[in-house]
């Protein structure tokens, strides 16, 4: 399935302000299941741009602006080919088929902090919640992870939260609700409590059920999305989306991975000026099925600035 994605972020100011460098994590991560056809980032006003990669291999664009402005518009457009199966079969190493299992010493060294829960759990609330999902001393590994994913999905209500930050897993359990980033964090921390290596993922979701009801084939309710991945020997990183109760990469377009959601902000930057100079920010995301000949203009390599 070929998808076309448009992601426009607009910052408005009452008067011209000095815009400090903005760090943009918007470029998609290609893989065996996701081929990047074209990707393009545009900024208004036009900045100087530097590309780097972080410790996880995410592509980072840093935009530096020369002149004050009353508005900053960052436009991210891409066309990708998503070929992940809706019913994936994973070649998990035989020794990891049953839970619990031990990662190899090399894997444990490389996975490092991705094995360790980040949120304190002094009353063992999260630990008890995760452990209750283990049915017996010898259980199927993938079935257990599916159960954790389903429990996070069924046991909570999805809510769209505009405020910054992520709830702790305990807050999400107490409230019985959370945003996609909150549910992803709950799943990640529960998986780590059980001994799995887990990481956060940000990107986009294409919901075919919504799009089927729209005459133009677009997903008008699209937005940036957050989910999780768990490392299983042999199979590698497996995607779990607790917001939608799904497993596997189908309908997902990953942009960045990290130890936690806080590391994955799509755009991060500041301005110099008074607090009342800032009027607000809007984000508009559209995901649609692309024409097979669609190409958003890859001319100077996979990423360019306009």
C-alpha atoms as a PDB file:
ATOM      1  CA  UNK A   1       0.000   0.000   0.000  1.00  0.00           C
ATOM      2  CA  UNK A   2       1.403   3.354  -1.036  1.00  0.00           C
ATOM      3  CA  UNK A   3       0.627   6.174   1.403  1.00  0.00           C
ATOM      4  CA  UNK A   4       0.933   9.927   1.065  1.00  0.00           C
ATOM      5  CA  UNK A   5       1.403  11.885   4.287  1.00  0.00           C
ATOM      6  CA  UNK A   6       1.158  15.615   4.921  1.00  0.00           C
ATOM      7  CA  UNK A   7       2.123  17.045   8.325  1.00  0.00           C
ATOM      8  CA  UNK A   8       1.952  20.823   8.730  1.00  0.00           C
ATOM      9  CA  UNK A   9       2.899  22.554  11.998  1.00  0.00           C
ATOM     10  CA  UNK A  10       2.220  26.296  12.285  1.00  0.00           C
ATOM     11  CA  UNK A  11       3.387  28.641  15.051  1.00  0.00           C
ATOM     12  CA  UNK A  12       1.843  32.127  15.168  1.00  0.00           C
ATOM     13  CA  UNK A  13       3.200  35.194  17.024  1.00  0.00           C
ATOM     14  CA  UNK A  14       1.668  38.590  17.756  1.00  0.00           C
ATOM     15  CA  UNK A  15       4.814  40.424  16.671  1.00  0.00           C
ATOM     16  CA  UNK A  16       7.999  39.358  14.858  1.00  0.00           C
ATOM     17  CA  UNK A  17      10.168  37.264  17.199  1.00  0.00           C
ATOM     18  CA  UNK A  18      13.625  35.769  16.984  1.00  0.00           C
ATOM     19  CA  UNK A  19      13.157  32.082  16.209  1.00  0.00           C
ATOM     20  CA  UNK A  20      15.842  29.938  17.783  1.00  0.00           C
ATOM     21  CA  UNK A  21      17.053  26.716  16.113  1.00  0.00           C
ATOM     22  CA  UNK A  22      14.349  24.088  15.783  1.00  0.00           C
ATOM     23  CA  UNK A  23      15.123  20.368  15.980  1.00  0.00           C
ATOM     24  CA  UNK A  24      12.897  18.356  13.652  1.00  0.00           C
ATOM     25  CA  UNK A  25      12.485  14.587  13.838  1.00  0.00           C
ATOM     26  CA  UNK A  26      10.217  14.050  10.842  1.00  0.00           C
ATOM     27  CA  UNK A  27      12.048  11.823   8.346  1.00  0.00           C
ATOM     28  CA  UNK A  28      10.680   8.256   8.049  1.00  0.00           C
ATOM     29  CA  UNK A  29      12.667   5.154   8.977  1.00  0.00           C
ATOM     30  CA  UNK A  30      12.900   2.866   5.962  1.00  0.00           C
ATOM     31  CA  UNK A  31      12.895  -0.893   6.567  1.00  0.00           C
ATOM     32  CA  UNK A  32      12.106  -4.194   4.862  1.00  0.00           C
ATOM     33  CA  UNK A  33       8.401  -3.317   5.326  1.00  0.00           C
ATOM     34  CA  UNK A  34       8.566   0.417   4.598  1.00  0.00           C
ATOM     35  CA  UNK A  35      10.140   1.903   1.476  1.00  0.00           C
ATOM     36  CA  UNK A  36      10.538   5.673   1.312  1.00  0.00           C
ATOM     37  CA  UNK A  37       9.533   6.865  -2.168  1.00  0.00           C
ATOM     38  CA  UNK A  38      10.016  10.558  -1.443  1.00  0.00           C
ATOM     39  CA  UNK A  39      10.338  12.822   1.573  1.00  0.00           C
ATOM     40  CA  UNK A  40      10.447  16.576   1.758  1.00  0.00           C
ATOM     41  CA  UNK A  41      10.618  19.117   4.573  1.00  0.00           C
ATOM     42  CA  UNK A  42       9.701  22.737   3.919  1.00  0.00           C
ATOM     43  CA  UNK A  43      10.011  25.719   6.280  1.00  0.00           C
ATOM     44  CA  UNK A  44       8.680  29.258   6.092  1.00  0.00           C
ATOM     45  CA  UNK A  45      10.724  31.390   6.643  1.00  0.00           C
ATOM     46  CA  UNK A  46      13.560  29.555   4.871  1.00  0.00           C
ATOM     47  CA  UNK A  47      16.309  28.434   7.306  1.00  0.00           C
ATOM     48  CA  UNK A  48      19.800  27.036   7.100  1.00  0.00           C
ATOM     49  CA  UNK A  49      19.555  23.288   7.632  1.00  0.00           C
ATOM     50  CA  UNK A  50      21.887  20.732   9.188  1.00  0.00           C
ATOM     51  CA  UNK A  51      21.338  16.952   9.212  1.00  0.00           C
ATOM     52  CA  UNK A  52      22.559  14.603  11.919  1.00  0.00           C
ATOM     53  CA  UNK A  53      21.684  11.206  13.414  1.00  0.00           C
ATOM     54  CA  UNK A  54      21.103  10.515  17.091  1.00  0.00           C
ATOM     55  CA  UNK A  55      22.223   7.483  19.097  1.00  0.00           C
ATOM     56  CA  UNK A  56      19.219   5.475  17.812  1.00  0.00           C
ATOM     57  CA  UNK A  57      19.927   6.311  14.167  1.00  0.00           C
ATOM     58  CA  UNK A  58      16.996   8.721  13.854  1.00  0.00           C
ATOM     59  CA  UNK A  59      17.478  11.446  11.244  1.00  0.00           C
ATOM     60  CA  UNK A  60      17.488  14.905  12.832  1.00  0.00           C
ATOM     61  CA  UNK A  61      17.145  18.153  10.887  1.00  0.00           C
ATOM     62  CA  UNK A  62      18.096  21.346  12.737  1.00  0.00           C
ATOM     63  CA  UNK A  63      16.768  24.556  11.193  1.00  0.00           C
ATOM     64  CA  UNK A  64      18.412  27.919  11.995  1.00  0.00           C
ATOM     65  CA  UNK A  65      16.567  31.108  11.084  1.00  0.00           C
ATOM     66  CA  UNK A  66      18.286  34.367  10.126  1.00  0.00           C
ATOM     67  CA  UNK A  67      15.482  36.918  10.536  1.00  0.00           C
ATOM     68  CA  UNK A  68      12.590  37.568  12.966  1.00  0.00           C
ATOM     69  CA  UNK A  69       9.153  36.408  11.841  1.00  0.00           C
ATOM     70  CA  UNK A  70       5.506  36.486  12.935  1.00  0.00           C
ATOM     71  CA  UNK A  71       4.870  32.937  11.738  1.00  0.00           C
ATOM     72  CA  UNK A  72       6.769  29.676  11.425  1.00  0.00           C
ATOM     73  CA  UNK A  73       5.367  26.938   9.190  1.00  0.00           C
ATOM     74  CA  UNK A  74       7.022  23.515   9.016  1.00  0.00           C
ATOM     75  CA  UNK A  75       5.663  21.232   6.304  1.00  0.00           C
ATOM     76  CA  UNK A  76       6.569  17.552   6.126  1.00  0.00           C
ATOM     77  CA  UNK A  77       5.401  15.595   3.075  1.00  0.00           C
ATOM     78  CA  UNK A  78       6.262  12.045   2.161  1.00  0.00           C
ATOM     79  CA  UNK A  79       5.240   9.094   0.043  1.00  0.00           C
ATOM     80  CA  UNK A  80       5.998   5.623   1.403  1.00  0.00           C
ATOM     81  CA  UNK A  81       5.301   2.050   0.373  1.00  0.00           C
ATOM     82  CA  UNK A  82       3.969   0.051   3.343  1.00  0.00           C
ATOM     83  CA  UNK A  83       4.114  -3.715   2.744  1.00  0.00           C
ATOM     84  CA  UNK A  84       3.836  -5.133   6.277  1.00  0.00           C
ATOM     85  CA  UNK A  85       1.424  -8.040   6.651  1.00  0.00           C
ATOM     86  CA  UNK A  86      -1.734  -7.562   8.686  1.00  0.00           C
ATOM     87  CA  UNK A  87      -1.195 -11.110  10.038  1.00  0.00           C
ATOM     88  CA  UNK A  88       2.564 -11.349  10.553  1.00  0.00           C
ATOM     89  CA  UNK A  89       4.458 -14.522  11.406  1.00  0.00           C
ATOM     90  CA  UNK A  90       7.643 -13.976  13.406  1.00  0.00           C
ATOM     91  CA  UNK A  91      10.700 -16.263  13.314  1.00  0.00           C
ATOM     92  CA  UNK A  92      11.396 -16.119  17.056  1.00  0.00           C
ATOM     93  CA  UNK A  93      14.487 -18.015  18.195  1.00  0.00           C
ATOM     94  CA  UNK A  94      13.450 -21.383  19.676  1.00  0.00           C
ATOM     95  CA  UNK A  95      14.855 -20.602  23.129  1.00  0.00           C
ATOM     96  CA  UNK A  96      12.671 -17.468  23.296  1.00  0.00           C
ATOM     97  CA  UNK A  97       9.401 -19.178  22.380  1.00  0.00           C
ATOM     98  CA  UNK A  98       8.518 -19.720  26.027  1.00  0.00           C
ATOM     99  CA  UNK A  99       8.436 -17.156  28.836  1.00  0.00           C
ATOM    100  CA  UNK A 100      10.549 -16.550  30.794  1.00  0.00           C
ATOM    101  CA  UNK A 101      13.743 -16.688  28.744  1.00  0.00           C
ATOM    102  CA  UNK A 102      17.149 -15.027  29.042  1.00  0.00           C
ATOM    103  CA  UNK A 103      18.628 -12.697  26.460  1.00  0.00           C
ATOM    104  CA  UNK A 104      22.196 -13.536  25.476  1.00  0.00           C
ATOM    105  CA  UNK A 105      24.949 -11.612  27.236  1.00  0.00           C
ATOM    106  CA  UNK A 106      25.663  -9.683  24.003  1.00  0.00           C
ATOM    107  CA  UNK A 107      21.986  -8.778  23.584  1.00  0.00           C
ATOM    108  CA  UNK A 108      21.708  -7.627  27.196  1.00  0.00           C
ATOM    109  CA  UNK A 109      24.783  -5.438  26.816  1.00  0.00           C
ATOM    110  CA  UNK A 110      23.476  -3.878  23.608  1.00  0.00           C
ATOM    111  CA  UNK A 111      19.889  -3.451  24.815  1.00  0.00           C
ATOM    112  CA  UNK A 112      21.048  -1.760  28.020  1.00  0.00           C
ATOM    113  CA  UNK A 113      18.556   0.783  29.339  1.00  0.00           C
ATOM    114  CA  UNK A 114      15.748  -0.616  27.178  1.00  0.00           C
ATOM    115  CA  UNK A 115      15.499  -3.480  29.683  1.00  0.00           C
ATOM    116  CA  UNK A 116      15.081  -1.264  32.744  1.00  0.00           C
ATOM    117  CA  UNK A 117      11.774   0.352  33.842  1.00  0.00           C
ATOM    118  CA  UNK A 118      12.067   4.143  34.097  1.00  0.00           C
ATOM    119  CA  UNK A 119       9.133   4.850  36.413  1.00  0.00           C
ATOM    120  CA  UNK A 120       9.375   4.065  40.110  1.00  0.00           C
ATOM    121  CA  UNK A 121       6.826   1.516  41.293  1.00  0.00           C
ATOM    122  CA  UNK A 122       7.173   1.557  45.122  1.00  0.00           C
ATOM    123  CA  UNK A 123       3.808  -0.098  45.733  1.00  0.00           C
ATOM    124  CA  UNK A 124       4.308  -2.629  42.917  1.00  0.00           C
ATOM    125  CA  UNK A 125       1.116  -1.436  41.227  1.00  0.00           C
ATOM    126  CA  UNK A 126       2.459  -1.785  37.708  1.00  0.00           C
ATOM    127  CA  UNK A 127       4.470  -4.886  38.522  1.00  0.00           C
ATOM    128  CA  UNK A 128       1.396  -6.609  39.929  1.00  0.00           C
ATOM    129  CA  UNK A 129      -0.704  -5.549  36.919  1.00  0.00           C
ATOM    130  CA  UNK A 130       1.856  -6.989  34.498  1.00  0.00           C
ATOM    131  CA  UNK A 131       2.508 -10.163  36.501  1.00  0.00           C
ATOM    132  CA  UNK A 132      -1.220 -10.928  36.675  1.00  0.00           C
ATOM    133  CA  UNK A 133      -1.158 -11.346  32.887  1.00  0.00           C
ATOM    134  CA  UNK A 134       1.314 -14.244  33.120  1.00  0.00           C
ATOM    135  CA  UNK A 135      -0.739 -17.433  33.021  1.00  0.00           C
ATOM    136  CA  UNK A 136       1.489 -20.077  34.539  1.00  0.00           C
ATOM    137  CA  UNK A 137       5.206 -20.637  34.978  1.00  0.00           C
ATOM    138  CA  UNK A 138       5.692 -21.642  31.346  1.00  0.00           C
ATOM    139  CA  UNK A 139       3.728 -19.623  28.805  1.00  0.00           C
ATOM    140  CA  UNK A 140       4.020 -18.653  25.151  1.00  0.00           C
ATOM    141  CA  UNK A 141       6.108 -15.479  24.803  1.00  0.00           C
ATOM    142  CA  UNK A 142       4.196 -13.873  21.962  1.00  0.00           C
ATOM    143  CA  UNK A 143       0.835 -14.716  23.528  1.00  0.00           C
ATOM    144  CA  UNK A 144       1.921 -13.003  26.743  1.00  0.00           C
ATOM    145  CA  UNK A 145       2.923  -9.825  24.901  1.00  0.00           C
ATOM    146  CA  UNK A 146      -0.392  -9.873  23.035  1.00  0.00           C
ATOM    147  CA  UNK A 147      -2.165 -10.126  26.388  1.00  0.00           C
ATOM    148  CA  UNK A 148      -0.260  -7.123  27.766  1.00  0.00           C
ATOM    149  CA  UNK A 149      -1.141  -5.182  24.605  1.00  0.00           C
ATOM    150  CA  UNK A 150      -4.808  -6.172  24.829  1.00  0.00           C
ATOM    151  CA  UNK A 151      -4.991  -5.358  28.559  1.00  0.00           C
ATOM    152  CA  UNK A 152      -3.621  -1.862  27.945  1.00  0.00           C
ATOM    153  CA  UNK A 153      -6.139  -1.367  25.121  1.00  0.00           C
ATOM    154  CA  UNK A 154      -9.244  -2.883  26.711  1.00  0.00           C
ATOM    155  CA  UNK A 155      -8.533  -1.720  30.258  1.00  0.00           C
ATOM    156  CA  UNK A 156      -8.204   1.957  29.351  1.00  0.00           C
ATOM    157  CA  UNK A 157     -10.112   4.547  27.356  1.00  0.00           C
ATOM    158  CA  UNK A 158      -8.279   6.482  24.679  1.00  0.00           C
ATOM    159  CA  UNK A 159      -8.411  10.246  25.139  1.00  0.00           C
ATOM    160  CA  UNK A 160      -6.733  12.961  23.110  1.00  0.00           C
ATOM    161  CA  UNK A 161      -4.565  15.019  25.468  1.00  0.00           C
ATOM    162  CA  UNK A 162      -3.176  18.307  24.166  1.00  0.00           C
ATOM    163  CA  UNK A 163      -1.080  19.062  27.236  1.00  0.00           C
ATOM    164  CA  UNK A 164       2.620  18.281  27.063  1.00  0.00           C
ATOM    165  CA  UNK A 165       4.216  15.308  28.737  1.00  0.00           C
ATOM    166  CA  UNK A 166       3.308  11.704  29.353  1.00  0.00           C
ATOM    167  CA  UNK A 167       1.393  10.176  32.253  1.00  0.00           C
ATOM    168  CA  UNK A 168       3.165   7.652  34.430  1.00  0.00           C
ATOM    169  CA  UNK A 169       1.890   4.077  33.993  1.00  0.00           C
ATOM    170  CA  UNK A 170       0.363   4.269  37.467  1.00  0.00           C
ATOM    171  CA  UNK A 171      -1.565   7.429  36.530  1.00  0.00           C
ATOM    172  CA  UNK A 172      -2.896   5.718  33.407  1.00  0.00           C
ATOM    173  CA  UNK A 173      -4.012   2.697  35.437  1.00  0.00           C
ATOM    174  CA  UNK A 174      -5.633   4.901  38.114  1.00  0.00           C
ATOM    175  CA  UNK A 175      -7.438   7.109  35.579  1.00  0.00           C
ATOM    176  CA  UNK A 176      -8.317   4.255  33.250  1.00  0.00           C
ATOM    177  CA  UNK A 177      -7.569   6.539  30.306  1.00  0.00           C
ATOM    178  CA  UNK A 178      -4.737   8.064  28.341  1.00  0.00           C
ATOM    179  CA  UNK A 179      -3.454   9.247  24.994  1.00  0.00           C
ATOM    180  CA  UNK A 180      -1.534   7.040  22.578  1.00  0.00           C
ATOM    181  CA  UNK A 181       1.750   8.091  24.191  1.00  0.00           C
ATOM    182  CA  UNK A 182       0.380   7.226  27.659  1.00  0.00           C
ATOM    183  CA  UNK A 183      -0.781   3.771  26.547  1.00  0.00           C
ATOM    184  CA  UNK A 184       2.519   3.131  24.780  1.00  0.00           C
ATOM    185  CA  UNK A 185       4.369   4.063  27.973  1.00  0.00           C
ATOM    186  CA  UNK A 186       2.161   1.730  30.023  1.00  0.00           C
ATOM    187  CA  UNK A 187       2.918  -1.148  27.647  1.00  0.00           C
ATOM    188  CA  UNK A 188       6.668  -0.415  27.530  1.00  0.00           C
ATOM    189  CA  UNK A 189       7.045  -0.236  31.301  1.00  0.00           C
ATOM    190  CA  UNK A 190       4.938  -3.384  31.825  1.00  0.00           C
ATOM    191  CA  UNK A 191       7.029  -5.274  29.257  1.00  0.00           C
ATOM    192  CA  UNK A 192      10.245  -4.162  30.979  1.00  0.00           C
ATOM    193  CA  UNK A 193       8.870  -5.271  34.355  1.00  0.00           C
ATOM    194  CA  UNK A 194       8.451  -8.728  32.811  1.00  0.00           C
ATOM    195  CA  UNK A 195      12.045  -8.724  31.574  1.00  0.00           C
ATOM    196  CA  UNK A 196      11.554  -7.721  27.937  1.00  0.00           C
ATOM    197  CA  UNK A 197      13.528  -5.042  26.099  1.00  0.00           C
ATOM    198  CA  UNK A 198      11.080  -2.412  24.862  1.00  0.00           C
ATOM    199  CA  UNK A 199      11.343   0.971  23.184  1.00  0.00           C
ATOM    200  CA  UNK A 200       9.046   3.817  22.132  1.00  0.00           C
ATOM    201  CA  UNK A 201       8.165   4.616  18.523  1.00  0.00           C
ATOM    202  CA  UNK A 202       6.611   7.724  16.984  1.00  0.00           C
ATOM    203  CA  UNK A 203       5.218   8.186  13.507  1.00  0.00           C
ATOM    204  CA  UNK A 204       1.906   8.038  11.689  1.00  0.00           C
ATOM    205  CA  UNK A 205      -1.100   5.723  11.591  1.00  0.00           C
ATOM    206  CA  UNK A 206      -3.248   5.020   8.549  1.00  0.00           C
ATOM    207  CA  UNK A 207      -6.676   3.816   9.656  1.00  0.00           C
ATOM    208  CA  UNK A 208      -8.268   2.029   6.714  1.00  0.00           C
ATOM    209  CA  UNK A 209     -11.612   1.747   8.541  1.00  0.00           C
ATOM    210  CA  UNK A 210     -11.892   5.545   8.719  1.00  0.00           C
ATOM    211  CA  UNK A 211     -10.643   6.047   5.176  1.00  0.00           C
ATOM    212  CA  UNK A 212     -13.137   3.568   3.708  1.00  0.00           C
ATOM    213  CA  UNK A 213     -15.919   5.905   4.812  1.00  0.00           C
ATOM    214  CA  UNK A 214     -14.396   8.929   3.043  1.00  0.00           C
ATOM    215  CA  UNK A 215     -14.957   9.493  -0.661  1.00  0.00           C
ATOM    216  CA  UNK A 216     -11.434  10.819  -1.272  1.00  0.00           C
ATOM    217  CA  UNK A 217      -9.696   7.915   0.475  1.00  0.00           C
ATOM    218  CA  UNK A 218      -7.977  10.184   2.983  1.00  0.00           C
ATOM    219  CA  UNK A 219      -7.760   9.776   6.724  1.00  0.00           C
ATOM    220  CA  UNK A 220      -9.073  13.095   7.993  1.00  0.00           C
ATOM    221  CA  UNK A 221      -8.655  11.972  11.602  1.00  0.00           C
ATOM    222  CA  UNK A 222      -4.967  11.186  11.085  1.00  0.00           C
ATOM    223  CA  UNK A 223      -2.422  12.440  13.563  1.00  0.00           C
ATOM    224  CA  UNK A 224       1.031  11.704  14.776  1.00  0.00           C
ATOM    225  CA  UNK A 225       0.945   8.421  16.656  1.00  0.00           C
ATOM    226  CA  UNK A 226       2.967   6.613  19.321  1.00  0.00           C
ATOM    227  CA  UNK A 227       3.373   2.896  19.919  1.00  0.00           C
ATOM    228  CA  UNK A 228       5.947   0.410  21.232  1.00  0.00           C
ATOM    229  CA  UNK A 229       8.368  -2.240  20.019  1.00  0.00           C
ATOM    230  CA  UNK A 230       9.685  -5.292  21.866  1.00  0.00           C
ATOM    231  CA  UNK A 231      12.908  -7.073  20.945  1.00  0.00           C
ATOM    232  CA  UNK A 232      12.607 -10.849  20.586  1.00  0.00           C
ATOM    233  CA  UNK A 233      15.673 -12.883  19.540  1.00  0.00           C
ATOM    234  CA  UNK A 234      15.420 -14.075  15.966  1.00  0.00           C
ATOM    235  CA  UNK A 235      12.426 -11.900  15.123  1.00  0.00           C
ATOM    236  CA  UNK A 236      13.999  -8.548  16.048  1.00  0.00           C
ATOM    237  CA  UNK A 237      11.840  -5.562  16.967  1.00  0.00           C
ATOM    238  CA  UNK A 238       8.091  -6.322  16.923  1.00  0.00           C
ATOM    239  CA  UNK A 239       5.561  -3.468  16.922  1.00  0.00           C
ATOM    240  CA  UNK A 240       2.730  -3.360  19.482  1.00  0.00           C
ATOM    241  CA  UNK A 241       0.098  -0.616  19.290  1.00  0.00           C
ATOM    242  CA  UNK A 242      -1.879  -0.686  22.563  1.00  0.00           C
ATOM    243  CA  UNK A 243      -4.067   2.241  21.487  1.00  0.00           C
ATOM    244  CA  UNK A 244      -5.618   0.058  18.793  1.00  0.00           C
ATOM    245  CA  UNK A 245      -4.830  -3.387  20.199  1.00  0.00           C
ATOM    246  CA  UNK A 246      -2.731  -4.330  17.171  1.00  0.00           C
ATOM    247  CA  UNK A 247       0.537  -6.185  16.666  1.00  0.00           C
ATOM    248  CA  UNK A 248       2.876  -5.749  13.721  1.00  0.00           C
ATOM    249  CA  UNK A 249       3.791  -2.827  11.466  1.00  0.00           C
ATOM    250  CA  UNK A 250       0.753  -2.866   9.161  1.00  0.00           C
ATOM    251  CA  UNK A 251      -0.777   0.637   8.820  1.00  0.00           C
ATOM    252  CA  UNK A 252       2.100   2.174  10.803  1.00  0.00           C
ATOM    253  CA  UNK A 253       4.738   4.557   9.427  1.00  0.00           C
ATOM    254  CA  UNK A 254       7.599   4.820  11.947  1.00  0.00           C
ATOM    255  CA  UNK A 255       9.623   8.027  12.069  1.00  0.00           C
ATOM    256  CA  UNK A 256      11.726   7.702  15.231  1.00  0.00           C
ATOM    257  CA  UNK A 257      12.534   5.289  18.054  1.00  0.00           C
ATOM    258  CA  UNK A 258      13.818   6.021  21.545  1.00  0.00           C
ATOM    259  CA  UNK A 259      14.068   4.921  25.142  1.00  0.00           C
ATOM    260  CA  UNK A 260      10.884   6.844  25.982  1.00  0.00           C
ATOM    261  CA  UNK A 261       8.267   9.064  24.375  1.00  0.00           C
ATOM    262  CA  UNK A 262       9.856  12.271  25.665  1.00  0.00           C
ATOM    263  CA  UNK A 263      12.787  11.728  23.284  1.00  0.00           C
ATOM    264  CA  UNK A 264      10.543  11.635  20.212  1.00  0.00           C
ATOM    265  CA  UNK A 265       9.029  15.103  19.865  1.00  0.00           C
ATOM    266  CA  UNK A 266       8.526  15.751  16.104  1.00  0.00           C
ATOM    267  CA  UNK A 267       9.451  19.444  16.446  1.00  0.00           C
ATOM    268  CA  UNK A 268      11.312  21.044  19.324  1.00  0.00           C
ATOM    269  CA  UNK A 269      12.374  24.698  19.460  1.00  0.00           C
ATOM    270  CA  UNK A 270      12.005  28.090  21.162  1.00  0.00           C
ATOM    271  CA  UNK A 271      11.779  31.775  20.381  1.00  0.00           C
ATOM    272  CA  UNK A 272      13.121  34.965  21.976  1.00  0.00           C
ATOM    273  CA  UNK A 273      10.323  37.300  23.060  1.00  0.00           C
ATOM    274  CA  UNK A 274       7.665  37.891  25.680  1.00  0.00           C
ATOM    275  CA  UNK A 275       5.300  35.123  26.691  1.00  0.00           C
ATOM    276  CA  UNK A 276       2.276  36.990  25.315  1.00  0.00           C
ATOM    277  CA  UNK A 277       3.914  37.177  21.879  1.00  0.00           C
ATOM    278  CA  UNK A 278       2.982  33.534  21.262  1.00  0.00           C
ATOM    279  CA  UNK A 279      -0.539  33.227  19.813  1.00  0.00           C
ATOM    280  CA  UNK A 280      -0.704  29.475  19.384  1.00  0.00           C
ATOM    281  CA  UNK A 281       0.231  26.372  17.442  1.00  0.00           C
ATOM    282  CA  UNK A 282      -1.797  24.251  15.020  1.00  0.00           C
ATOM    283  CA  UNK A 283      -0.989  20.804  13.645  1.00  0.00           C
ATOM    284  CA  UNK A 284      -2.677  19.381  10.544  1.00  0.00           C
ATOM    285  CA  UNK A 285      -1.982  15.773   9.530  1.00  0.00           C
ATOM    286  CA  UNK A 286      -3.475  13.914   6.570  1.00  0.00           C
ATOM    287  CA  UNK A 287      -2.708  10.331   5.561  1.00  0.00           C
ATOM    288  CA  UNK A 288      -4.145   9.017   2.309  1.00  0.00           C
ATOM    289  CA  UNK A 289      -3.691   6.271  -0.241  1.00  0.00           C
ATOM    290  CA  UNK A 290      -1.321   7.681  -2.854  1.00  0.00           C
ATOM    291  CA  UNK A 291      -1.469   7.389  -6.602  1.00  0.00           C
ATOM    292  CA  UNK A 292       1.057   4.759  -7.685  1.00  0.00           C
ATOM    293  CA  UNK A 293       2.921   7.433  -9.659  1.00  0.00           C
ATOM    294  CA  UNK A 294       2.941   9.932  -6.774  1.00  0.00           C
ATOM    295  CA  UNK A 295       6.356  11.430  -6.091  1.00  0.00           C
ATOM    296  CA  UNK A 296       6.742  14.489  -3.947  1.00  0.00           C
ATOM    297  CA  UNK A 297       9.947  15.571  -5.618  1.00  0.00           C
ATOM    298  CA  UNK A 298      13.012  13.731  -4.459  1.00  0.00           C
ATOM    299  CA  UNK A 299      15.647  15.566  -6.493  1.00  0.00           C
ATOM    300  CA  UNK A 300      18.780  15.974  -4.404  1.00  0.00           C
ATOM    301  CA  UNK A 301      18.691  12.714  -2.459  1.00  0.00           C
ATOM    302  CA  UNK A 302      16.028  11.332  -0.125  1.00  0.00           C
ATOM    303  CA  UNK A 303      15.497  14.584   1.824  1.00  0.00           C
ATOM    304  CA  UNK A 304      15.510  18.159   0.652  1.00  0.00           C
ATOM    305  CA  UNK A 305      14.541  21.540   2.048  1.00  0.00           C
ATOM    306  CA  UNK A 306      12.209  23.912   0.243  1.00  0.00           C
END
